[in-house]
C-alpha atoms as a PDB file:
ATOM      1  CA  MET A   1      29.217-131.033 -98.468  1.00  0.00           C
ATOM      2  CA  SER A   2      31.916-128.351 -98.512  1.00  0.00           C
ATOM      3  CA  THR A   3      34.714-128.508 -95.981  1.00  0.00           C
ATOM      4  CA  PHE A   4      35.641-125.550 -93.775  1.00  0.00           C
ATOM      5  CA  THR A   5      39.301-124.966 -94.596  1.00  0.00           C
ATOM      6  CA  ARG A   6      41.914-123.271 -92.457  1.00  0.00           C
ATOM      7  CA  ALA A   7      42.137-120.434 -94.990  1.00  0.00           C
ATOM      8  CA  GLN A   8      38.403-119.811 -94.708  1.00  0.00           C
ATOM      9  CA  ALA A   9      38.635-119.821 -90.919  1.00  0.00           C
ATOM     10  CA  SER A  10      41.525-117.368 -91.051  1.00  0.00           C
ATOM     11  CA  ALA A  11      39.604-115.117 -93.438  1.00  0.00           C
ATOM     12  CA  GLU A  12      36.545-115.211 -91.200  1.00  0.00           C
ATOM     13  CA  ASN A  13      38.591-114.439 -88.084  1.00  0.00           C
ATOM     14  CA  SER A  14      40.164-111.480 -89.853  1.00  0.00           C
ATOM     15  CA  LEU A  15      36.703-109.965 -90.236  1.00  0.00           C
ATOM     16  CA  LEU A  16      36.013-110.187 -86.502  1.00  0.00           C
ATOM     17  CA  PRO A  17      36.936-107.174 -84.321  1.00  0.00           C
ATOM     18  CA  HIS A  18      40.267-107.716 -82.596  1.00  0.00           C
ATOM     19  CA  GLU A  19      40.581-107.037 -78.878  1.00  0.00           C
ATOM     20  CA  PRO A  20      43.309-104.572 -77.921  1.00  0.00           C
ATOM     21  CA  PRO A  21      46.362-106.217 -76.350  1.00  0.00           C
ATOM     22  CA  ARG A  22      46.148-106.419 -72.577  1.00  0.00           C
ATOM     23  CA  SER A  23      48.848-105.164 -70.261  1.00  0.00           C
ATOM     24  CA  PRO A  24      50.839-107.613 -68.097  1.00  0.00           C
ATOM     25  CA  ALA A  25      48.951-106.375 -65.024  1.00  0.00           C
ATOM     26  CA  GLU A  26      45.600-107.134 -66.678  1.00  0.00           C
ATOM     27  CA  GLN A  27      46.812-110.594 -67.661  1.00  0.00           C
ATOM     28  CA  ARG A  28      47.971-111.293 -64.103  1.00  0.00           C
ATOM     29  CA  LEU A  29      44.625-110.111 -62.745  1.00  0.00           C
ATOM     30  CA  THR A  30      42.740-112.460 -65.083  1.00  0.00           C
ATOM     31  CA  LEU A  31      44.935-115.430 -64.158  1.00  0.00           C
ATOM     32  CA  LEU A  32      44.599-114.553 -60.468  1.00  0.00           C
ATOM     33  CA  GLN A  33      40.812-114.438 -60.613  1.00  0.00           C
ATOM     34  CA  ASP A  34      40.647-117.661 -62.632  1.00  0.00           C
ATOM     35  CA  GLY A  35      42.905-119.342 -60.089  1.00  0.00           C
ATOM     36  CA  LEU A  36      40.750-118.193 -57.175  1.00  0.00           C
ATOM     37  CA  ASN A  37      37.630-119.461 -58.925  1.00  0.00           C
ATOM     38  CA  LEU A  38      39.188-122.873 -59.496  1.00  0.00           C
ATOM     39  CA  LEU A  39      40.419-123.195 -55.899  1.00  0.00           C
ATOM     40  CA  SER A  40      37.032-122.095 -54.564  1.00  0.00           C
ATOM     41  CA  ASN A  41      35.329-124.950 -56.414  1.00  0.00           C
ATOM     42  CA  LEU A  42      37.547-127.714 -55.015  1.00  0.00           C
ATOM     43  CA  ASP A  43      35.886-130.466 -52.999  1.00  0.00           C
ATOM     44  CA  ASN A  44      36.744-133.820 -51.447  1.00  0.00           C
ATOM     45  CA  THR A  45      36.232-135.601 -54.754  1.00  0.00           C
ATOM     46  CA  THR A  46      38.939-133.584 -56.513  1.00  0.00           C
ATOM     47  CA  ASN A  47      42.104-135.592 -57.019  1.00  0.00           C
ATOM     48  CA  LEU A  48      44.963-133.229 -56.155  1.00  0.00           C
ATOM     49  CA  ARG A  49      47.869-135.585 -56.740  1.00  0.00           C
ATOM     50  CA  GLY A  50      49.528-134.590 -59.994  1.00  0.00           C
ATOM     51  CA  ASN A  51      46.727-132.147 -60.781  1.00  0.00           C
ATOM     52  CA  VAL A  52      48.387-129.648 -63.108  1.00  0.00           C
ATOM     53  CA  LYS A  53      45.404-127.288 -63.163  1.00  0.00           C
ATOM     54  CA  VAL A  54      45.409-126.902 -59.381  1.00  0.00           C
ATOM     55  CA  SER A  55      49.177-126.390 -59.310  1.00  0.00           C
ATOM     56  CA  LEU A  56      48.962-123.709 -62.004  1.00  0.00           C
ATOM     57  CA  ALA A  57      46.064-122.051 -60.192  1.00  0.00           C
ATOM     58  CA  VAL A  58      48.103-121.854 -56.975  1.00  0.00           C
ATOM     59  CA  GLU A  59      51.101-120.399 -58.825  1.00  0.00           C
ATOM     60  CA  ASN A  60      48.943-117.827 -60.628  1.00  0.00           C
ATOM     61  CA  VAL A  61      47.357-116.743 -57.351  1.00  0.00           C
ATOM     62  CA  VAL A  62      50.743-116.428 -55.665  1.00  0.00           C
ATOM     63  CA  GLN A  63      52.304-114.505 -58.558  1.00  0.00           C
ATOM     64  CA  GLY A  64      49.356-112.146 -58.967  1.00  0.00           C
ATOM     65  CA  ALA A  65      49.074-111.454 -55.234  1.00  0.00           C
ATOM     66  CA  MET A  66      52.799-110.848 -54.790  1.00  0.00           C
ATOM     67  CA  SER A  67      52.907-108.468 -57.762  1.00  0.00           C
ATOM     68  CA  ASP A  68      49.685-106.486 -57.454  1.00  0.00           C
ATOM     69  CA  GLY A  69      48.115-107.468 -54.134  1.00  0.00           C
ATOM     70  CA  LEU A  70      44.605-108.708 -53.402  1.00  0.00           C
ATOM     71  CA  SER A  71      41.389-106.747 -53.199  1.00  0.00           C
ATOM     72  CA  PRO A  72      39.277-107.158 -50.028  1.00  0.00           C
ATOM     73  CA  ASP A  73      36.907-109.571 -51.796  1.00  0.00           C
ATOM     74  CA  GLN A  74      39.785-111.624 -53.185  1.00  0.00           C
ATOM     75  CA  MET A  75      41.344-111.759 -49.722  1.00  0.00           C
ATOM     76  CA  ILE A  76      38.150-113.095 -48.159  1.00  0.00           C
ATOM     77  CA  THR A  77      37.845-115.681 -50.952  1.00  0.00           C
ATOM     78  CA  LEU A  78      41.406-116.871 -50.415  1.00  0.00           C
ATOM     79  CA  LEU A  79      40.902-117.118 -46.646  1.00  0.00           C
ATOM     80  CA  VAL A  80      37.864-119.321 -47.259  1.00  0.00           C
ATOM     81  CA  VAL A  81      40.024-121.566 -49.460  1.00  0.00           C
ATOM     82  CA  ILE A  82      42.764-121.705 -46.811  1.00  0.00           C
ATOM     83  CA  GLY A  83      40.418-122.657 -43.989  1.00  0.00           C
ATOM     84  CA  SER A  84      38.039-124.885 -45.928  1.00  0.00           C
ATOM     85  CA  ARG A  85      37.640-128.562 -45.016  1.00  0.00           C
ATOM     86  CA  LYS A  86      35.833-129.356 -48.254  1.00  0.00           C
ATOM     87  CA  HIS A  87      39.055-130.074 -50.119  1.00  0.00           C
ATOM     88  CA  LYS A  88      42.326-131.839 -49.445  1.00  0.00           C
ATOM     89  CA  LEU A  89      44.875-129.097 -50.043  1.00  0.00           C
ATOM     90  CA  ALA A  90      48.082-129.909 -48.190  1.00  0.00           C
ATOM     91  CA  GLN A  91      49.156-127.799 -45.221  1.00  0.00           C
ATOM     92  CA  ASN A  92      52.236-126.544 -47.054  1.00  0.00           C
ATOM     93  CA  VAL A  93      50.042-125.329 -49.932  1.00  0.00           C
ATOM     94  CA  ARG A  94      47.715-123.563 -47.502  1.00  0.00           C
ATOM     95  CA  SER A  95      50.712-121.960 -45.781  1.00  0.00           C
ATOM     96  CA  LYS A  96      51.969-120.804 -49.175  1.00  0.00           C
ATOM     97  CA  LEU A  97      48.606-119.174 -49.815  1.00  0.00           C
ATOM     98  CA  VAL A  98      48.728-117.450 -46.407  1.00  0.00           C
ATOM     99  CA  LYS A  99      52.082-115.935 -47.352  1.00  0.00           C
ATOM    100  CA  CYS A 100      50.523-114.359 -50.438  1.00  0.00           C
ATOM    101  CA  LEU A 101      47.748-112.586 -48.508  1.00  0.00           C
ATOM    102  CA  ILE A 102      49.148-109.254 -49.691  1.00  0.00           C
ATOM    103  CA  PRO A 103      46.585-106.421 -49.601  1.00  0.00           C
ATOM    104  CA  SER A 104      46.300-104.015 -52.503  1.00  0.00           C
ATOM    105  CA  SER A 105      44.475-101.529 -50.269  1.00  0.00           C
ATOM    106  CA  LYS A 106      43.077-101.576 -46.746  1.00  0.00           C
ATOM    107  CA  VAL A 107      42.496-104.948 -45.092  1.00  0.00           C
ATOM    108  CA  PRO A 108      38.856-105.400 -44.019  1.00  0.00           C
ATOM    109  CA  GLN A 109      38.231-106.247 -40.384  1.00  0.00           C
ATOM    110  CA  SER A 110      36.059-109.128 -41.581  1.00  0.00           C
ATOM    111  CA  ALA A 111      39.207-110.877 -42.840  1.00  0.00           C
ATOM    112  CA  VAL A 112      40.805-110.766 -39.379  1.00  0.00           C
ATOM    113  CA  ILE A 113      37.544-111.859 -37.750  1.00  0.00           C
ATOM    114  CA  LYS A 114      37.458-114.869 -40.090  1.00  0.00           C
ATOM    115  CA  VAL A 115      41.020-115.775 -39.043  1.00  0.00           C
ATOM    116  CA  ILE A 116      40.132-115.562 -35.336  1.00  0.00           C
ATOM    117  CA  TYR A 117      37.081-117.765 -35.829  1.00  0.00           C
ATOM    118  CA  MET A 118      39.164-120.269 -37.819  1.00  0.00           C
ATOM    119  CA  ILE A 119      41.593-120.577 -34.908  1.00  0.00           C
ATOM    120  CA  THR A 120      38.812-120.736 -32.319  1.00  0.00           C
ATOM    121  CA  ALA A 121      37.069-123.554 -34.218  1.00  0.00           C
ATOM    122  CA  ASN A 122      40.133-125.751 -33.611  1.00  0.00           C
ATOM    123  CA  ALA A 123      40.305-125.093 -29.882  1.00  0.00           C
ATOM    124  CA  VAL A 124      39.590-128.762 -29.063  1.00  0.00           C
ATOM    125  CA  THR A 125      42.126-130.360 -31.403  1.00  0.00           C
ATOM    126  CA  GLY A 126      44.607-127.567 -30.819  1.00  0.00           C
ATOM    127  CA  PRO A 127      45.956-124.929 -33.211  1.00  0.00           C
ATOM    128  CA  THR A 128      48.358-125.937 -35.944  1.00  0.00           C
ATOM    129  CA  ASN A 129      51.325-124.203 -37.500  1.00  0.00           C
ATOM    130  CA  LEU A 130      48.884-122.864 -40.101  1.00  0.00           C
ATOM    131  CA  HIS A 131      46.891-121.068 -37.388  1.00  0.00           C
ATOM    132  CA  SER A 132      50.106-119.674 -35.955  1.00  0.00           C
ATOM    133  CA  LEU A 133      50.982-118.356 -39.410  1.00  0.00           C
ATOM    134  CA  LEU A 134      47.532-116.792 -39.764  1.00  0.00           C
ATOM    135  CA  LEU A 135      47.917-114.993 -36.442  1.00  0.00           C
ATOM    136  CA  ARG A 136      51.305-113.708 -37.570  1.00  0.00           C
ATOM    137  CA  TRP A 137      49.617-112.410 -40.716  1.00  0.00           C
ATOM    138  CA  VAL A 138      47.173-110.425 -38.568  1.00  0.00           C
ATOM    139  CA  LEU A 139      50.142-108.747 -36.870  1.00  0.00           C
ATOM    140  CA  VAL A 140      51.835-108.051 -40.206  1.00  0.00           C
ATOM    141  CA  VAL A 141      48.780-106.295 -41.671  1.00  0.00           C
ATOM    142  CA  PHE A 142      47.674-104.650 -38.411  1.00  0.00           C
ATOM    143  CA  ASP A 143      48.660-101.158 -39.582  1.00  0.00           C
ATOM    144  CA  HIS A 144      46.760-101.680 -42.852  1.00  0.00           C
ATOM    145  CA  LEU A 145      43.376-102.525 -41.289  1.00  0.00           C
ATOM    146  CA  ASP A 146      40.348-100.410 -42.135  1.00  0.00           C
ATOM    147  CA  GLY A 147      39.375-100.255 -38.456  1.00  0.00           C
ATOM    148  CA  TYR A 148      39.836-101.908 -35.067  1.00  0.00           C
ATOM    149  CA  GLU A 149      36.493-101.718 -33.255  1.00  0.00           C
ATOM    150  CA  LYS A 150      35.074-105.019 -34.530  1.00  0.00           C
ATOM    151  CA  ILE A 151      38.318-106.845 -33.797  1.00  0.00           C
ATOM    152  CA  HIS A 152      38.456-105.353 -30.320  1.00  0.00           C
ATOM    153  CA  ASN A 153      35.046-106.873 -29.649  1.00  0.00           C
ATOM    154  CA  LEU A 154      36.761-110.285 -29.875  1.00  0.00           C
ATOM    155  CA  TYR A 155      39.327-109.414 -27.197  1.00  0.00           C
ATOM    156  CA  GLY A 156      38.074-112.223 -24.939  1.00  0.00           C
ATOM    157  CA  LEU A 157      38.441-114.838 -27.687  1.00  0.00           C
ATOM    158  CA  ILE A 158      41.944-113.683 -28.512  1.00  0.00           C
ATOM    159  CA  PHE A 159      42.899-113.834 -24.822  1.00  0.00           C
ATOM    160  CA  MET A 160      42.048-117.550 -24.863  1.00  0.00           C
ATOM    161  CA  PHE A 161      44.869-118.108 -27.372  1.00  0.00           C
ATOM    162  CA  ILE A 162      47.504-117.591 -24.651  1.00  0.00           C
ATOM    163  CA  ASP A 163      46.811-121.152 -23.445  1.00  0.00           C
ATOM    164  CA  SER A 164      48.539-122.422 -26.583  1.00  0.00           C
ATOM    165  CA  ALA A 165      52.325-122.347 -26.519  1.00  0.00           C
ATOM    166  CA  ARG A 166      52.239-122.081 -30.309  1.00  0.00           C
ATOM    167  CA  LEU A 167      50.057-118.964 -30.283  1.00  0.00           C
ATOM    168  CA  LEU A 168      51.227-117.365 -27.011  1.00  0.00           C
ATOM    169  CA  PRO A 169      53.784-114.824 -28.354  1.00  0.00           C
ATOM    170  CA  TYR A 170      51.544-113.657 -31.200  1.00  0.00           C
ATOM    171  CA  ALA A 171      48.402-113.535 -29.064  1.00  0.00           C
ATOM    172  CA  CYS A 172      50.183-111.420 -26.430  1.00  0.00           C
ATOM    173  CA  GLN A 173      51.438-109.010 -29.072  1.00  0.00           C
ATOM    174  CA  LEU A 174      47.989-108.671 -30.629  1.00  0.00           C
ATOM    175  CA  LEU A 175      46.429-108.129 -27.193  1.00  0.00           C
ATOM    176  CA  PHE A 176      49.142-105.548 -26.454  1.00  0.00           C
ATOM    177  CA  LEU A 177      48.030-103.590 -29.543  1.00  0.00           C
ATOM    178  CA  LEU A 178      44.308-103.897 -28.800  1.00  0.00           C
ATOM    179  CA  THR A 179      44.278-103.348 -25.015  1.00  0.00           C
ATOM    180  CA  ARG A 180      42.181-100.547 -23.566  1.00  0.00           C
ATOM    181  CA  LYS A 181      41.629 -99.662 -19.945  1.00  0.00           C
ATOM    182  CA  GLU A 182      38.301-101.507 -19.807  1.00  0.00           C
ATOM    183  CA  ASP A 183      40.038-104.708 -20.954  1.00  0.00           C
ATOM    184  CA  VAL A 184      42.222-104.924 -17.850  1.00  0.00           C
ATOM    185  CA  ALA A 185      40.535-107.297 -15.407  1.00  0.00           C
ATOM    186  CA  LEU A 186      41.748-109.108 -12.323  1.00  0.00           C
ATOM    187  CA  PHE A 187      41.165-112.593 -13.762  1.00  0.00           C
ATOM    188  CA  ARG A 188      43.311-111.756 -16.786  1.00  0.00           C
ATOM    189  CA  VAL A 189      46.118-110.448 -14.616  1.00  0.00           C
ATOM    190  CA  GLN A 190      45.943-113.616 -12.519  1.00  0.00           C
ATOM    191  CA  LYS A 191      46.042-115.772 -15.673  1.00  0.00           C
ATOM    192  CA  LEU A 192      49.169-114.016 -16.893  1.00  0.00           C
ATOM    193  CA  LEU A 193      50.821-114.351 -13.483  1.00  0.00           C
ATOM    194  CA  GLU A 194      50.100-118.077 -13.551  1.00  0.00           C
ATOM    195  CA  LEU A 195      51.830-118.315 -16.916  1.00  0.00           C
ATOM    196  CA  VAL A 196      54.819-116.446 -15.489  1.00  0.00           C
ATOM    197  CA  GLN A 197      55.083-118.991 -12.688  1.00  0.00           C
ATOM    198  CA  LYS A 198      54.732-121.840 -15.183  1.00  0.00           C
ATOM    199  CA  LEU A 199      56.889-120.626 -18.086  1.00  0.00           C
ATOM    200  CA  GLY A 200      59.041-117.995 -16.442  1.00  0.00           C
ATOM    201  CA  PRO A 201      59.191-114.290 -17.324  1.00  0.00           C
ATOM    202  CA  GLU A 202      58.604-114.681 -21.042  1.00  0.00           C
ATOM    203  CA  PRO A 203      59.078-111.318 -22.830  1.00  0.00           C
ATOM    204  CA  CYS A 204      55.658-111.446 -24.498  1.00  0.00           C
ATOM    205  CA  ILE A 205      53.863-112.094 -21.177  1.00  0.00           C
ATOM    206  CA  MET A 206      55.810-109.374 -19.391  1.00  0.00           C
ATOM    207  CA  GLY A 207      55.021-106.940 -22.195  1.00  0.00           C
ATOM    208  CA  LEU A 208      51.287-107.516 -21.835  1.00  0.00           C
ATOM    209  CA  LEU A 209      51.535-107.248 -18.040  1.00  0.00           C
ATOM    210  CA  MET A 210      53.389-103.965 -18.486  1.00  0.00           C
ATOM    211  CA  MET A 211      50.502-102.634 -20.602  1.00  0.00           C
ATOM    212  CA  TYR A 212      48.013-103.763 -17.952  1.00  0.00           C
ATOM    213  CA  LYS A 213      50.025-102.025 -15.255  1.00  0.00           C
ATOM    214  CA  VAL A 214      50.005 -98.774 -17.222  1.00  0.00           C
ATOM    215  CA  TYR A 215      46.208 -98.746 -17.180  1.00  0.00           C
ATOM    216  CA  CYS A 216      45.573-100.329 -13.766  1.00  0.00           C
ATOM    217  CA  PRO A 217      48.687-100.276 -11.572  1.00  0.00           C
ATOM    218  CA  HIS A 218      46.653-101.365  -8.543  1.00  0.00           C
ATOM    219  CA  LEU A 219      45.927-104.727 -10.224  1.00  0.00           C
ATOM    220  CA  VAL A 220      49.494-105.516 -11.272  1.00  0.00           C
ATOM    221  CA  THR A 221      51.319-105.236  -7.985  1.00  0.00           C
ATOM    222  CA  ILE A 222      54.449-107.180  -8.914  1.00  0.00           C
ATOM    223  CA  ARG A 223      57.588-105.330  -9.857  1.00  0.00           C
ATOM    224  CA  LEU A 224      58.271-105.578 -13.569  1.00  0.00           C
ATOM    225  CA  THR A 225      62.013-105.293 -14.123  1.00  0.00           C
ATOM    226  CA  TYR A 226      62.499-106.709 -17.552  1.00  0.00           C
ATOM    227  CA  GLY A 227      65.184-104.276 -18.628  1.00  0.00           C
ATOM    228  CA  THR A 228      65.445-102.602 -22.002  1.00  0.00           C
ATOM    229  CA  LYS A 229      64.967-105.681 -24.180  1.00  0.00           C
ATOM    230  CA  ALA A 230      62.117-105.740 -26.663  1.00  0.00           C
ATOM    231  CA  PHE A 231      58.989-107.518 -25.508  1.00  0.00           C
ATOM    232  CA  PHE A 232      58.126-108.762 -29.000  1.00  0.00           C
ATOM    233  CA  LYS A 233      60.442-109.995 -31.726  1.00  0.00           C
ATOM    234  CA  ASN A 234      60.635-108.057 -34.960  1.00  0.00           C
ATOM    235  CA  GLN A 235      60.010-110.984 -37.276  1.00  0.00           C
ATOM    236  CA  ASP A 236      58.464-111.457 -40.712  1.00  0.00           C
ATOM    237  CA  VAL A 237      60.510-108.503 -42.000  1.00  0.00           C
ATOM    238  CA  VAL A 238      60.446-109.686 -45.630  1.00  0.00           C
ATOM    239  CA  TRP A 239      56.701-110.211 -45.427  1.00  0.00           C
ATOM    240  CA  ARG A 240      56.191-106.675 -44.136  1.00  0.00           C
ATOM    241  CA  GLU A 241      58.489-105.227 -46.783  1.00  0.00           C
ATOM    242  CA  THR A 242      56.557-107.005 -49.542  1.00  0.00           C
ATOM    243  CA  ILE A 243      53.274-105.576 -48.282  1.00  0.00           C
ATOM    244  CA  GLN A 244      54.812-102.117 -47.999  1.00  0.00           C
ATOM    245  CA  ALA A 245      56.250-102.326 -51.523  1.00  0.00           C
ATOM    246  CA  VAL A 246      52.892-103.297 -53.038  1.00  0.00           C
ATOM    247  CA  ALA A 247      51.153-100.529 -51.071  1.00  0.00           C
ATOM    248  CA  SER A 248      53.713 -97.937 -52.232  1.00  0.00           C
ATOM    249  CA  GLU A 249      53.367 -99.023 -55.847  1.00  0.00           C
ATOM    250  CA  ARG A 250      49.595 -98.764 -55.616  1.00  0.00           C
ATOM    251  CA  ARG A 251      49.870 -95.258 -54.167  1.00  0.00           C
ATOM    252  CA  GLN A 252      52.153 -94.220 -57.032  1.00  0.00           C
ATOM    253  CA  GLU A 253      49.655 -95.584 -59.552  1.00  0.00           C
ATOM    254  CA  GLU A 254      46.835 -93.694 -57.847  1.00  0.00           C
ATOM    255  CA  ILE A 255      48.886 -90.474 -57.859  1.00  0.00           C
ATOM    256  CA  GLN A 256      49.697 -90.878 -61.558  1.00  0.00           C
ATOM    257  CA  GLN A 257      46.046 -91.551 -62.320  1.00  0.00           C
ATOM    258  CA  GLU A 258      45.039 -88.420 -60.409  1.00  0.00           C
ATOM    259  CA  VAL A 259      47.601 -86.374 -62.360  1.00  0.00           C
ATOM    260  CA  VAL A 260      46.249 -87.704 -65.665  1.00  0.00           C
ATOM    261  CA  GLU A 261      42.691 -86.864 -64.602  1.00  0.00           C
ATOM    262  CA  ASP A 262      43.740 -83.357 -63.519  1.00  0.00           C
ATOM    263  CA  VAL A 263      45.426 -82.772 -66.889  1.00  0.00           C
ATOM    264  CA  LYS A 264      42.303 -83.941 -68.719  1.00  0.00           C
ATOM    265  CA  ARG A 265      40.069 -81.668 -66.656  1.00  0.00           C
ATOM    266  CA  ALA A 266      42.391 -78.684 -67.182  1.00  0.00           C
ATOM    267  CA  ARG A 267      42.465 -79.333 -70.928  1.00  0.00           C
ATOM    268  CA  GLN A 268      38.672 -79.557 -71.067  1.00  0.00           C
ATOM    269  CA  ARG A 269      38.324 -76.309 -69.113  1.00  0.00           C
ATOM    270  CA  ARG A 270      40.761 -74.558 -71.458  1.00  0.00           C
ATOM    271  CA  GLN A 271      38.951 -75.807 -74.563  1.00  0.00           C
ATOM    272  CA  THR A 272      35.600 -74.737 -73.119  1.00  0.00           C
ATOM    273  CA  ALA A 273      36.975 -71.278 -72.308  1.00  0.00           C
ATOM    274  CA  GLN A 274      38.402 -70.922 -75.820  1.00  0.00           C
ATOM    275  CA  ARG A 275      35.075 -71.878 -77.413  1.00  0.00           C
ATOM    276  CA  ARG A 276      33.256 -69.337 -75.247  1.00  0.00           C
ATOM    277  CA  MET A 277      35.773 -66.630 -76.155  1.00  0.00           C
ATOM    278  CA  VAL A 278      35.414 -67.292 -79.887  1.00  0.00           C
ATOM    279  CA  LYS A 279      31.634 -67.255 -79.591  1.00  0.00           C
ATOM    280  CA  ARG A 280      31.711 -63.991 -77.618  1.00  0.00           C
ATOM    281  CA  GLN A 281      33.985 -62.356 -80.197  1.00  0.00           C
ATOM    282  CA  LYS A 282      31.660 -63.349 -83.013  1.00  0.00           C
ATOM    283  CA  LEU A 283      28.725 -61.817 -81.167  1.00  0.00           C
ATOM    284  CA  MET A 284      30.516 -58.556 -80.297  1.00  0.00           C
ATOM    285  CA  LEU A 285      32.421 -57.682 -83.524  1.00  0.00           C
ATOM    286  CA  PRO A 286      30.217 -56.098 -86.299  1.00  0.00           C
ATOM    287  CA  ASP A 287      30.772 -56.480 -90.006  1.00  0.00           C
ATOM    288  CA  VAL A 288      33.365 -53.805 -90.846  1.00  0.00           C
ATOM    289  CA  HIS A 289      32.361 -53.336 -94.482  1.00  0.00           C
ATOM    290  CA  ALA A 290      28.694 -53.041 -93.673  1.00  0.00           C
ATOM    291  CA  ALA A 291      29.370 -50.424 -91.022  1.00  0.00           C
ATOM    292  CA  MET A 292      31.499 -48.340 -93.382  1.00  0.00           C
ATOM    293  CA  GLN A 293      28.858 -48.599 -96.081  1.00  0.00           C
ATOM    294  CA  GLU A 294      26.205 -47.389 -93.665  1.00  0.00           C
ATOM    295  CA  LEU A 295      28.342 -44.410 -92.728  1.00  0.00           C
ATOM    296  CA  GLU A 296      28.864 -43.527 -96.366  1.00  0.00           C
ATOM    297  CA  ASP A 297      25.173 -43.802 -97.169  1.00  0.00           C
ATOM    298  CA  GLU A 298      24.008 -41.677 -94.267  1.00  0.00           C
ATOM    299  CA  PRO A 299      23.133 -38.042 -95.242  1.00  0.00           C
ATOM    300  CA  ASP A 300      24.908 -35.172 -93.591  1.00  0.00           C
ATOM    301  CA  LEU A 301      22.351 -34.030 -91.063  1.00  0.00           C
ATOM    302  CA  THR A 302      24.485 -31.171 -89.813  1.00  0.00           C
ATOM    303  CA  GLU A 303      23.292 -29.021 -92.659  1.00  0.00           C
ATOM    304  CA  ASN A 304      19.758 -29.002 -91.300  1.00  0.00           C
ATOM    305  CA  PHE A 305      20.820 -28.197 -87.792  1.00  0.00           C
ATOM    306  CA  HIS A 306      23.427 -25.573 -88.777  1.00  0.00           C
ATOM    307  CA  PRO A 307      22.324 -23.729 -91.954  1.00  0.00           C
ATOM    308  CA  ALA A 308      24.868 -21.455 -93.598  1.00  0.00           C
ATOM    309  CA  LYS A 309      24.625 -17.873 -92.359  1.00  0.00           C
ATOM    310  CA  HIS A 310      24.300 -14.912 -94.861  1.00  0.00           C
ATOM    311  CA  ARG A 311      27.028 -12.330 -94.248  1.00  0.00           C
ATOM    312  CA  VAL A 312      26.417  -8.641 -95.104  1.00  0.00           C
ATOM    313  CA  PRO A 313      29.373  -6.342 -95.807  1.00  0.00           C
ATOM    314  CA  TYR A 314      29.485  -3.264 -93.638  1.00  0.00           C
ATOM    315  CA  VAL A 315      29.676  -0.981 -96.663  1.00  0.00           C
ATOM    316  CA  GLN A 316      26.231  -2.139 -97.753  1.00  0.00           C
ATOM    317  CA  ILE A 317      24.602  -0.873 -94.552  1.00  0.00           C
ATOM    318  CA  ASP A 318      23.213   2.526 -95.484  1.00  0.00           C
ATOM    319  CA  THR A 319      20.358   3.011 -93.011  1.00  0.00           C
ATOM    320  CA  PHE A 320      19.818   2.510 -89.306  1.00  0.00           C
ATOM    321  CA  THR A 321      16.978   0.075 -89.976  1.00  0.00           C
ATOM    322  CA  SER A 322      19.252  -2.033 -92.185  1.00  0.00           C
ATOM    323  CA  PHE A 323      21.890  -1.951 -89.456  1.00  0.00           C
ATOM    324  CA  LEU A 324      19.469  -3.351 -86.839  1.00  0.00           C
ATOM    325  CA  LYS A 325      18.167  -6.049 -89.217  1.00  0.00           C
ATOM    326  CA  ASN A 326      21.617  -7.363 -90.140  1.00  0.00           C
ATOM    327  CA  PHE A 327      23.314  -6.728 -86.823  1.00  0.00           C
ATOM    328  CA  ASP A 328      24.420 -10.418 -86.346  1.00  0.00           C
ATOM    329  CA  ASN A 329      25.559 -10.854 -89.942  1.00  0.00           C
ATOM    330  CA  ILE A 330      27.657  -7.766 -90.462  1.00  0.00           C
ATOM    331  CA  GLU A 331      31.183  -8.570 -91.573  1.00  0.00           C
END
């Protein structure tokens, strides 16, 4: 039996078609998707201690998301991994994954709804620092959402978060952004006033009360004199800047792609116009030599239409009858 040598394998591989080299962005995208697939398939039987594959998957997801952002589907997949109870990922790993929830485009409302349901599901045991981080993420990506109507429908659920000291400042800020006139109700005003009596005039509570008073001043009868201080802290600046940088880079790529497409279309239009012009010229221009030959071969028809006239000298007219007959030809 013949053995398959390395030289034969190399020769056979040389005959196979070679794939073009992939760009760094394409490589990151492949590693990111592979990492998400691996994390999605984790379960309680997976041993995570010293698991190099899981560690590499987490790093690939973080690097790919921080560099190029996540698509809406990838974001939903990662949120499922973060909130899943089927595996034993540590809280610090889950928090690390929350930090890399960087959108490459608009954030779907379904992602925020999933976060709210994840927090609500732990209402009995109490929210953790992970849930607080998730609510902060909602605030960070609020301006990048693809809509607000579905999230506004969960206003009542979000209002329940103010009972948690861990979620209170972020819940008040989110409610501040979502509040409409129909959301202002007496029981909510009373709940906020109870928190003021219990915790003091916290800036986040006073900010939400101020919004309620703008819509329904007859319900918020207390005098709100909080001064000029900000109601909500401007935190997570680096997180916001990262999201903005990825979004700006994506916009530049889209603009460049549009320019390339415009150039291609203009070039195609110019080539089409040139082909039409050449075709039209071929149809309109006759064969010069053939035309000249036809002109040379044509008989002079003017001779038939204008025959030469016979002139009669005047001296040859000797009678009156001859004069009348040659009247037009006398010279």
